[in-house]
Protein backbone atom coordinates (compact mmCIF):
# COMPACT_ATOMS: atom_id res chain seq x y z
CA ALA A 1 88.81 90.86 90.61
CA MET A 2 91.07 92.99 92.80
CA VAL A 3 91.85 90.02 95.05
CA SER A 4 92.82 87.96 91.99
CA ILE A 5 95.08 90.75 90.74
CA ILE A 6 96.73 91.13 94.14
CA ILE A 7 97.32 87.38 94.42
CA THR A 8 98.77 87.37 90.90
CA LEU A 9 101.11 90.25 91.70
CA LEU A 10 102.26 88.54 94.88
CA GLY A 11 102.97 85.42 92.84
CA VAL A 12 104.96 87.46 90.32
CA TYR A 13 106.88 89.13 93.14
CA SER A 14 107.76 85.79 94.77
CA SER A 15 108.74 84.34 91.38
CA ILE A 16 111.07 87.20 90.52
CA THR A 17 112.50 87.15 94.06
CA LEU A 18 113.34 83.46 93.81
CA ASP A 19 114.73 83.92 90.30
CA THR A 20 116.97 86.82 91.25
CA GLU A 21 118.19 85.18 94.45
CA ARG A 22 119.02 82.00 92.53
CA ARG A 23 120.90 83.91 89.82
CA GLN A 24 122.95 86.24 92.04
CA LYS A 25 126.21 84.52 91.20
CA GLU A 26 125.48 84.77 87.47
CA VAL A 27 124.79 88.50 87.83
CA ALA A 28 128.02 88.96 89.79
CA VAL A 29 130.06 87.16 87.12
CA ARG A 30 128.41 89.23 84.38
CA LYS A 31 129.17 92.45 86.27
CA VAL A 32 132.81 91.40 86.66
CA ASN A 33 132.97 90.79 82.92
CA GLY A 34 131.71 94.31 82.25
CA ALA A 35 127.95 94.05 82.00
CA GLY A 36 126.15 97.23 82.96
CA ILE A 37 122.86 97.64 84.73
CA ARG A 38 121.07 97.88 81.38
CA HIS A 39 122.40 94.45 80.33
CA ILE A 40 121.39 92.89 83.63
CA ILE A 41 117.93 94.42 83.42
CA TRP A 42 117.53 93.08 79.89
CA LEU A 43 118.71 89.64 81.05
CA PHE A 44 115.81 89.35 83.49
CA ALA A 45 113.23 91.45 81.65
CA ARG A 46 113.50 89.41 78.45
CA LEU A 47 112.12 86.32 80.20
CA TYR A 48 109.23 88.16 81.83
CA ILE A 49 108.29 90.07 78.68
CA ALA A 50 108.14 86.77 76.79
CA LEU A 51 105.98 85.24 79.53
CA LEU A 52 103.62 88.21 79.47
CA VAL A 53 103.21 88.14 75.69
CA VAL A 54 102.68 84.37 75.50
CA THR A 55 100.18 84.49 78.35
CA ALA A 56 98.28 87.34 76.69
CA ILE A 57 98.20 85.52 73.34
CA ILE A 58 96.75 82.42 74.99
CA SER A 59 94.40 84.04 77.49
CA PHE A 60 92.77 86.86 75.47
CA PRO A 61 91.06 84.59 72.93
CA LEU A 62 89.92 82.27 75.71
CA VAL A 63 88.48 85.14 77.72
CA TYR A 64 86.78 86.49 74.62
CA MET A 65 85.16 83.12 73.88
CA VAL A 66 83.98 82.68 77.48
CA LEU A 67 82.53 86.18 77.58
CA GLN A 68 80.71 85.62 74.28
CA TRP A 69 79.23 82.41 75.68
CA TRP A 70 78.34 84.15 78.94
CA LYS A 71 76.74 87.04 77.03
CA GLN A 72 74.34 84.58 75.37
CA ILE A 73 73.14 83.30 78.75
CA TYR A 74 72.15 86.67 80.21
CA THR A 75 69.81 89.22 78.70
CA VAL A 76 71.50 92.17 80.39
CA PHE A 77 75.25 92.06 80.09
CA PHE A 78 78.06 94.55 80.47
CA ASN A 79 79.06 95.36 76.91
CA CYS A 80 82.73 96.07 77.18
CA GLY A 81 84.81 97.16 74.28
CA CYS A 82 88.34 96.60 73.17
CA TRP A 83 89.59 99.63 75.10
CA PHE A 84 88.26 98.21 78.36
CA TRP A 85 90.32 95.03 78.02
CA THR A 86 93.31 96.95 76.72
CA GLY A 87 93.15 99.19 79.78
CA ILE A 88 93.00 96.23 82.14
CA PHE A 89 95.90 94.54 80.37
CA LEU A 90 98.03 97.69 80.41
CA SER A 91 97.33 98.44 84.07
CA VAL A 92 98.20 94.90 85.18
CA ALA A 93 101.25 94.91 82.90
CA MET A 94 102.44 98.23 84.35
CA VAL A 95 102.05 97.11 87.96
CA THR A 96 103.80 93.84 87.12
CA ALA A 97 106.57 95.73 85.32
CA LEU A 98 107.09 98.00 88.32
CA THR A 99 107.29 94.99 90.60
CA ILE A 100 109.83 93.30 88.35
CA TRP A 101 111.76 96.55 87.89
CA PHE A 102 112.10 96.96 91.66
CA ARG A 103 113.54 93.45 92.09
CA ILE A 104 115.82 93.70 89.05
CA MET A 105 117.26 97.03 90.19
CA ARG A 106 117.89 95.53 93.60
CA ILE A 107 119.76 92.57 92.14
CA ALA A 108 121.68 94.79 89.69
CA ARG A 109 123.11 96.84 92.56
CA ILE A 110 124.39 93.91 94.61
CA ASN A 111 127.90 93.88 95.97
CA LEU A 112 129.94 91.44 93.87
CA VAL A 113 132.10 90.22 96.72
CA GLU A 114 129.16 89.55 99.04
CA SER A 115 127.29 87.70 96.32
CA ILE A 116 130.16 85.37 95.48
CA LYS A 117 131.11 84.93 99.15
CA ASN A 118 127.54 83.84 100.03
CA GLU A 119 127.66 81.11 97.37
């Protein structure tokens, strides 16, 4: 499970890195027009929050159904409760949020001239 989580977080990190690098010019133009760091953070975070919520809405019922099916196969099964899955979701969401926060803060503090000159 830990390997899967690490691979997922590396995928999220590479995705946000590619997204922020691709949108550097947009961020620079928004900063010139007066957007603050909070607006830039919300610009990127809105997409990733929506992805997290949609993924959770789709995956939680599927995981629940698979675990119910799996529970019927075995006589001894780990009986996890709602708080167990909530804890897993919150821990993965927090680590993902910290990863995204790091990349967004880095892109929000870019030098405008260097960003536009590189394009």
